Amino acid sequence: MDGLLIDSEPLWSEAADETFLPYGFRLTPAQYASTTGMRTREFVASWFHHFNIDNSQLAIAEKAILSSVVTKVTTKGKPMQGVAHIFNFFIEKKFKIGLATSSGHDLIDVVIDQLGIRKYLQAISSAADLPYGKPHPQVYLDCAILLNSHPTECVCFEDSFNGMIAAKAARMKCVVVPSFADSRLAKFNAADLKLSSLQNFNELLLNTLQ
């Protein structure tokens, strides 16, 4: 969802910067990118450990980031290029469509209503309350169950490395659409297909996945 359907990654970065500043650190773009796709609690825990911040502040920082992101997406969130195209493509082919995300339901509700896609989703799966988040595959396996589909029948679209690993671990086909800054990183070659935009997906590429 984040960074694939809604251009929220810069907003997550803003929220992280604002929250971490009182603790005396700020992430570089490379540091931030290395934890993209993780759940917020794991994202915060990882960097608090790295910068030796007391764990007693974890829940406070997590709540601050989540609240800030919901506000920012509500006021500034914009759809990513190709969202309408990719939904129309699979709706016309009568594919079932599910959403599997690390984000919690407060943000999920904001995003799907802003994009107007609620009626097209047959399943919504959140990793927010699961024992493990991405790169663990559970959120994708749960989504497949809700869709009444076998994981090997599913095509997953991802923008992050952690998400790609989760999808592949679930034995799904994975189409990755990384950010422009990350698009040349060799690690994304593990995906079944790499695109610069959802807009570029078409019948020929779908056939290559099958």
C-alpha atoms as a PDB file:
ATOM      1  CA  MET A   1       0.000   0.000   0.000  1.00  0.00           C
ATOM      2  CA  ASP A   2       2.538   2.612   1.156  1.00  0.00           C
ATOM      3  CA  GLY A   3       4.795   3.619  -1.713  1.00  0.00           C
ATOM      4  CA  LEU A   4       2.896   1.467  -4.209  1.00  0.00           C
ATOM      5  CA  LEU A   5      -0.694   2.742  -4.184  1.00  0.00           C
ATOM      6  CA  ILE A   6      -0.234   5.951  -2.197  1.00  0.00           C
ATOM      7  CA  ASP A   7       2.792   8.259  -2.298  1.00  0.00           C
ATOM      8  CA  SER A   8       3.231   8.077   1.453  1.00  0.00           C
ATOM      9  CA  GLU A   9       6.862   7.075   1.901  1.00  0.00           C
ATOM     10  CA  PRO A  10       8.047  10.723   1.976  1.00  0.00           C
ATOM     11  CA  LEU A  11       5.351  11.359   4.596  1.00  0.00           C
ATOM     12  CA  TRP A  12       6.518   8.405   6.701  1.00  0.00           C
ATOM     13  CA  SER A  13      10.045   9.806   6.440  1.00  0.00           C
ATOM     14  CA  GLU A  14       8.851  13.242   7.554  1.00  0.00           C
ATOM     15  CA  ALA A  15       7.022  11.723  10.517  1.00  0.00           C
ATOM     16  CA  ALA A  16      10.085   9.698  11.494  1.00  0.00           C
ATOM     17  CA  ASP A  17      12.346  12.759  11.304  1.00  0.00           C
ATOM     18  CA  GLU A  18       9.986  14.789  13.477  1.00  0.00           C
ATOM     19  CA  THR A  19       9.644  12.000  16.022  1.00  0.00           C
ATOM     20  CA  PHE A  20      13.313  11.029  16.213  1.00  0.00           C
ATOM     21  CA  LEU A  21      14.707  14.569  16.381  1.00  0.00           C
ATOM     22  CA  PRO A  22      14.021  14.979  20.144  1.00  0.00           C
ATOM     23  CA  TYR A  23      15.976  11.737  20.672  1.00  0.00           C
ATOM     24  CA  GLY A  24      19.001  13.259  18.990  1.00  0.00           C
ATOM     25  CA  PHE A  25      19.191  11.472  15.655  1.00  0.00           C
ATOM     26  CA  ARG A  26      17.942  11.615  12.087  1.00  0.00           C
ATOM     27  CA  LEU A  27      18.037   8.817   9.514  1.00  0.00           C
ATOM     28  CA  THR A  28      19.897   9.128   6.235  1.00  0.00           C
ATOM     29  CA  PRO A  29      17.916   8.213   3.105  1.00  0.00           C
ATOM     30  CA  ALA A  30      19.866   4.930   2.902  1.00  0.00           C
ATOM     31  CA  GLN A  31      19.129   4.092   6.531  1.00  0.00           C
ATOM     32  CA  TYR A  32      15.448   4.834   6.092  1.00  0.00           C
ATOM     33  CA  ALA A  33      15.280   2.734   2.901  1.00  0.00           C
ATOM     34  CA  SER A  34      16.834  -0.272   4.656  1.00  0.00           C
ATOM     35  CA  THR A  35      13.828  -0.578   6.964  1.00  0.00           C
ATOM     36  CA  THR A  36      11.079   0.361   4.485  1.00  0.00           C
ATOM     37  CA  GLY A  37       8.244  -2.148   4.584  1.00  0.00           C
ATOM     38  CA  MET A  38       8.689  -2.978   8.262  1.00  0.00           C
ATOM     39  CA  ARG A  39       5.915  -2.407  10.784  1.00  0.00           C
ATOM     40  CA  THR A  40       6.279   0.842  12.713  1.00  0.00           C
ATOM     41  CA  ARG A  41       7.097  -0.847  16.027  1.00  0.00           C
ATOM     42  CA  GLU A  42       9.918  -2.851  14.400  1.00  0.00           C
ATOM     43  CA  PHE A  43      11.123   0.207  12.497  1.00  0.00           C
ATOM     44  CA  VAL A  44      11.338   2.228  15.727  1.00  0.00           C
ATOM     45  CA  ALA A  45      12.860  -0.641  17.726  1.00  0.00           C
ATOM     46  CA  SER A  46      15.553  -1.171  15.095  1.00  0.00           C
ATOM     47  CA  TRP A  47      16.709   2.442  15.128  1.00  0.00           C
ATOM     48  CA  PHE A  48      16.359   2.886  18.882  1.00  0.00           C
ATOM     49  CA  HIS A  49      18.659  -0.107  19.308  1.00  0.00           C
ATOM     50  CA  HIS A  50      21.068   1.283  16.713  1.00  0.00           C
ATOM     51  CA  PHE A  51      21.247   4.686  18.439  1.00  0.00           C
ATOM     52  CA  ASN A  52      21.118   3.298  22.012  1.00  0.00           C
ATOM     53  CA  ILE A  53      17.785   4.895  22.932  1.00  0.00           C
ATOM     54  CA  ASP A  54      16.006   3.525  26.011  1.00  0.00           C
ATOM     55  CA  ASN A  55      13.264   1.017  25.142  1.00  0.00           C
ATOM     56  CA  SER A  56      10.859   2.690  27.544  1.00  0.00           C
ATOM     57  CA  GLN A  57      10.265   5.281  24.809  1.00  0.00           C
ATOM     58  CA  LEU A  58       9.364   2.766  22.079  1.00  0.00           C
ATOM     59  CA  ALA A  59       5.586   2.860  22.430  1.00  0.00           C
ATOM     60  CA  ILE A  60       5.551   6.653  22.672  1.00  0.00           C
ATOM     61  CA  ALA A  61       7.582   7.056  19.487  1.00  0.00           C
ATOM     62  CA  GLU A  62       5.549   4.442  17.622  1.00  0.00           C
ATOM     63  CA  LYS A  63       2.275   6.154  18.519  1.00  0.00           C
ATOM     64  CA  ALA A  64       3.655   9.566  17.518  1.00  0.00           C
ATOM     65  CA  ILE A  65       4.761   8.335  14.090  1.00  0.00           C
ATOM     66  CA  LEU A  66       1.485   6.523  13.388  1.00  0.00           C
ATOM     67  CA  SER A  67      -0.633   9.514  14.385  1.00  0.00           C
ATOM     68  CA  SER A  68       1.506  11.881  12.324  1.00  0.00           C
ATOM     69  CA  VAL A  69       1.363   9.681   9.218  1.00  0.00           C
ATOM     70  CA  VAL A  70      -2.430   9.355   9.334  1.00  0.00           C
ATOM     71  CA  THR A  71      -2.694  13.153   9.504  1.00  0.00           C
ATOM     72  CA  LYS A  72      -0.157  13.697   6.727  1.00  0.00           C
ATOM     73  CA  VAL A  73      -1.713  11.129   4.379  1.00  0.00           C
ATOM     74  CA  THR A  74      -5.176  12.560   5.031  1.00  0.00           C
ATOM     75  CA  THR A  75      -4.040  16.058   4.067  1.00  0.00           C
ATOM     76  CA  LYS A  76      -1.252  15.403   1.548  1.00  0.00           C
ATOM     77  CA  GLY A  77      -1.482  11.820   0.299  1.00  0.00           C
ATOM     78  CA  LYS A  78      -1.517  11.398  -3.489  1.00  0.00           C
ATOM     79  CA  PRO A  79      -2.052   8.234  -5.554  1.00  0.00           C
ATOM     80  CA  MET A  80       0.978   6.679  -7.204  1.00  0.00           C
ATOM     81  CA  GLN A  81       1.158   6.624 -10.978  1.00  0.00           C
ATOM     82  CA  GLY A  82      -0.788   3.748 -12.511  1.00  0.00           C
ATOM     83  CA  VAL A  83      -3.137   2.936  -9.621  1.00  0.00           C
ATOM     84  CA  ALA A  84      -6.285   3.339 -11.728  1.00  0.00           C
ATOM     85  CA  HIS A  85      -4.655   1.391 -14.569  1.00  0.00           C
ATOM     86  CA  ILE A  86      -3.672  -1.618 -12.450  1.00  0.00           C
ATOM     87  CA  PHE A  87      -7.086  -1.862 -10.782  1.00  0.00           C
ATOM     88  CA  ASN A  88      -8.926  -1.553 -14.093  1.00  0.00           C
ATOM     89  CA  PHE A  89      -6.620  -4.153 -15.670  1.00  0.00           C
ATOM     90  CA  PHE A  90      -7.397  -6.818 -13.086  1.00  0.00           C
ATOM     91  CA  ILE A  91     -11.061  -5.881 -12.643  1.00  0.00           C
ATOM     92  CA  GLU A  92     -11.606  -6.383 -16.373  1.00  0.00           C
ATOM     93  CA  LYS A  93      -9.960  -9.813 -16.110  1.00  0.00           C
ATOM     94  CA  LYS A  94     -12.175 -10.640 -13.113  1.00  0.00           C
ATOM     95  CA  PHE A  95      -9.235 -11.260 -10.784  1.00  0.00           C
ATOM     96  CA  LYS A  96      -9.871 -11.218  -7.063  1.00  0.00           C
ATOM     97  CA  ILE A  97      -7.983  -8.312  -5.470  1.00  0.00           C
ATOM     98  CA  GLY A  98      -6.606  -8.180  -1.952  1.00  0.00           C
ATOM     99  CA  LEU A  99      -4.569  -5.664   0.003  1.00  0.00           C
ATOM    100  CA  ALA A 100      -1.734  -6.934   2.233  1.00  0.00           C
ATOM    101  CA  THR A 101       0.098  -4.242   4.171  1.00  0.00           C
ATOM    102  CA  SER A 102       2.250  -3.641   7.227  1.00  0.00           C
ATOM    103  CA  SER A 103       0.148  -0.604   8.119  1.00  0.00           C
ATOM    104  CA  GLY A 104      -2.637  -0.614  10.695  1.00  0.00           C
ATOM    105  CA  HIS A 105      -6.340  -0.270   9.973  1.00  0.00           C
ATOM    106  CA  ASP A 106      -6.539   3.463  10.774  1.00  0.00           C
ATOM    107  CA  LEU A 107      -4.193   4.245   7.903  1.00  0.00           C
ATOM    108  CA  ILE A 108      -5.641   1.524   5.672  1.00  0.00           C
ATOM    109  CA  ASP A 109      -9.092   3.102   5.970  1.00  0.00           C
ATOM    110  CA  VAL A 110      -7.743   6.574   5.122  1.00  0.00           C
ATOM    111  CA  VAL A 111      -5.861   5.328   2.054  1.00  0.00           C
ATOM    112  CA  ILE A 112      -8.511   3.100   0.521  1.00  0.00           C
ATOM    113  CA  ASP A 113     -11.171   5.775   0.941  1.00  0.00           C
ATOM    114  CA  GLN A 114      -8.909   8.459  -0.542  1.00  0.00           C
ATOM    115  CA  LEU A 115      -8.215   6.211  -3.524  1.00  0.00           C
ATOM    116  CA  GLY A 116     -11.840   5.075  -3.813  1.00  0.00           C
ATOM    117  CA  ILE A 117     -10.899   1.390  -4.022  1.00  0.00           C
ATOM    118  CA  ARG A 118     -12.811  -0.126  -1.104  1.00  0.00           C
ATOM    119  CA  LYS A 119     -15.479  -1.741  -3.301  1.00  0.00           C
ATOM    120  CA  TYR A 120     -12.807  -3.430  -5.441  1.00  0.00           C
ATOM    121  CA  LEU A 121     -11.050  -5.170  -2.550  1.00  0.00           C
ATOM    122  CA  GLN A 122     -12.214  -8.674  -1.711  1.00  0.00           C
ATOM    123  CA  ALA A 123      -9.715  -8.953   1.166  1.00  0.00           C
ATOM    124  CA  ILE A 124      -7.684  -6.696   3.443  1.00  0.00           C
ATOM    125  CA  SER A 125      -4.838  -8.159   5.493  1.00  0.00           C
ATOM    126  CA  SER A 126      -2.777  -6.154   7.986  1.00  0.00           C
ATOM    127  CA  ALA A 127       0.474  -7.265   9.620  1.00  0.00           C
ATOM    128  CA  ALA A 128       0.053  -4.686  12.390  1.00  0.00           C
ATOM    129  CA  ASP A 129      -1.132  -7.213  14.969  1.00  0.00           C
ATOM    130  CA  LEU A 130       0.594 -10.346  13.697  1.00  0.00           C
ATOM    131  CA  PRO A 131       3.456 -11.979  15.644  1.00  0.00           C
ATOM    132  CA  TYR A 132       5.796 -11.129  12.754  1.00  0.00           C
ATOM    133  CA  GLY A 133       5.695  -8.512  10.014  1.00  0.00           C
ATOM    134  CA  LYS A 134       7.411  -8.322   6.640  1.00  0.00           C
ATOM    135  CA  PRO A 135       9.771  -9.845   5.551  1.00  0.00           C
ATOM    136  CA  HIS A 136       7.824 -12.680   7.212  1.00  0.00           C
ATOM    137  CA  PRO A 137       5.222 -13.939   4.695  1.00  0.00           C
ATOM    138  CA  GLN A 138       2.259 -14.281   7.086  1.00  0.00           C
ATOM    139  CA  VAL A 139       0.430 -11.130   5.959  1.00  0.00           C
ATOM    140  CA  TYR A 140       0.446 -12.433   2.377  1.00  0.00           C
ATOM    141  CA  LEU A 141      -0.580 -15.935   3.388  1.00  0.00           C
ATOM    142  CA  ASP A 142      -3.459 -14.469   5.399  1.00  0.00           C
ATOM    143  CA  CYS A 143      -4.558 -12.416   2.399  1.00  0.00           C
ATOM    144  CA  ALA A 144      -4.546 -15.502   0.162  1.00  0.00           C
ATOM    145  CA  ILE A 145      -6.709 -17.346   2.692  1.00  0.00           C
ATOM    146  CA  LEU A 146      -9.202 -14.460   2.770  1.00  0.00           C
ATOM    147  CA  LEU A 147      -9.310 -14.538  -1.036  1.00  0.00           C
ATOM    148  CA  ASN A 148      -9.809 -18.321  -0.953  1.00  0.00           C
ATOM    149  CA  SER A 149      -6.782 -18.625  -3.250  1.00  0.00           C
ATOM    150  CA  HIS A 150      -3.623 -20.705  -3.095  1.00  0.00           C
ATOM    151  CA  PRO A 151      -0.475 -18.573  -2.659  1.00  0.00           C
ATOM    152  CA  THR A 152       1.046 -19.950  -5.870  1.00  0.00           C
ATOM    153  CA  GLU A 153      -1.962 -18.576  -7.767  1.00  0.00           C
ATOM    154  CA  CYS A 154      -1.303 -15.029  -6.539  1.00  0.00           C
ATOM    155  CA  VAL A 155       0.542 -12.135  -8.130  1.00  0.00           C
ATOM    156  CA  CYS A 156       1.845  -9.613  -5.633  1.00  0.00           C
ATOM    157  CA  PHE A 157       2.860  -6.024  -6.351  1.00  0.00           C
ATOM    158  CA  GLU A 158       5.461  -4.540  -3.995  1.00  0.00           C
ATOM    159  CA  ASP A 159       7.690  -1.496  -3.748  1.00  0.00           C
ATOM    160  CA  SER A 160      10.009  -2.471  -0.867  1.00  0.00           C
ATOM    161  CA  PHE A 161      12.719  -5.094  -0.500  1.00  0.00           C
ATOM    162  CA  ASN A 162      11.235  -6.434   2.752  1.00  0.00           C
ATOM    163  CA  GLY A 163       7.864  -6.746   1.063  1.00  0.00           C
ATOM    164  CA  MET A 164       9.362  -8.512  -1.940  1.00  0.00           C
ATOM    165  CA  ILE A 165      11.056 -11.059   0.331  1.00  0.00           C
ATOM    166  CA  ALA A 166       7.748 -11.623   2.163  1.00  0.00           C
ATOM    167  CA  ALA A 167       5.869 -12.214  -1.094  1.00  0.00           C
ATOM    168  CA  LYS A 168       8.486 -14.631  -2.435  1.00  0.00           C
ATOM    169  CA  ALA A 169       8.566 -16.486   0.895  1.00  0.00           C
ATOM    170  CA  ALA A 170       4.801 -16.892   0.512  1.00  0.00           C
ATOM    171  CA  ARG A 171       5.550 -18.504  -2.905  1.00  0.00           C
ATOM    172  CA  MET A 172       3.722 -15.783  -4.795  1.00  0.00           C
ATOM    173  CA  LYS A 173       4.821 -14.190  -8.038  1.00  0.00           C
ATOM    174  CA  CYS A 174       6.175 -10.758  -7.195  1.00  0.00           C
ATOM    175  CA  VAL A 175       6.210  -7.661  -9.383  1.00  0.00           C
ATOM    176  CA  VAL A 176       8.350  -5.010  -7.735  1.00  0.00           C
ATOM    177  CA  VAL A 177       8.004  -1.287  -8.410  1.00  0.00           C
ATOM    178  CA  PRO A 178      10.851   0.274  -6.416  1.00  0.00           C
ATOM    179  CA  SER A 179      11.357   3.983  -5.989  1.00  0.00           C
ATOM    180  CA  PHE A 180      13.411   5.725  -8.656  1.00  0.00           C
ATOM    181  CA  ALA A 181      16.325   6.053  -6.228  1.00  0.00           C
ATOM    182  CA  ASP A 182      16.326   2.288  -5.561  1.00  0.00           C
ATOM    183  CA  SER A 183      15.414   1.055  -9.037  1.00  0.00           C
ATOM    184  CA  ARG A 184      18.950   0.042 -10.014  1.00  0.00           C
ATOM    185  CA  LEU A 185      19.740  -1.875  -6.843  1.00  0.00           C
ATOM    186  CA  ALA A 186      20.655  -5.465  -7.714  1.00  0.00           C
ATOM    187  CA  LYS A 187      18.702  -6.874  -4.762  1.00  0.00           C
ATOM    188  CA  PHE A 188      15.418  -6.168  -6.546  1.00  0.00           C
ATOM    189  CA  ASN A 189      16.411  -8.606  -9.298  1.00  0.00           C
ATOM    190  CA  ALA A 190      15.086 -11.353  -7.025  1.00  0.00           C
ATOM    191  CA  ALA A 191      11.576 -10.318  -8.055  1.00  0.00           C
ATOM    192  CA  ASP A 192       9.823 -12.092 -10.916  1.00  0.00           C
ATOM    193  CA  LEU A 193       9.432  -8.756 -12.668  1.00  0.00           C
ATOM    194  CA  LYS A 194      10.636  -5.204 -12.038  1.00  0.00           C
ATOM    195  CA  LEU A 195       8.777  -2.132 -13.331  1.00  0.00           C
ATOM    196  CA  SER A 196       9.268   1.612 -13.088  1.00  0.00           C
ATOM    197  CA  SER A 197       5.509   2.181 -12.733  1.00  0.00           C
ATOM    198  CA  LEU A 198       2.270   0.253 -12.279  1.00  0.00           C
ATOM    199  CA  GLN A 199       1.208   1.991 -15.482  1.00  0.00           C
ATOM    200  CA  ASN A 200       3.615  -0.233 -17.443  1.00  0.00           C
ATOM    201  CA  PHE A 201       1.975  -3.546 -16.516  1.00  0.00           C
ATOM    202  CA  ASN A 202       0.172  -5.220 -19.409  1.00  0.00           C
ATOM    203  CA  GLU A 203      -1.165  -8.479 -20.852  1.00  0.00           C
ATOM    204  CA  LEU A 204       2.218  -9.603 -22.185  1.00  0.00           C
ATOM    205  CA  LEU A 205       3.872  -9.173 -18.794  1.00  0.00           C
ATOM    206  CA  LEU A 206       1.051 -11.044 -17.071  1.00  0.00           C
ATOM    207  CA  ASN A 207       1.575 -13.933 -19.471  1.00  0.00           C
ATOM    208  CA  THR A 208       5.277 -14.065 -18.622  1.00  0.00           C
ATOM    209  CA  LEU A 209       4.345 -14.512 -14.945  1.00  0.00           C
ATOM    210  CA  GLN A 210       2.025 -17.426 -15.765  1.00  0.00           C
END
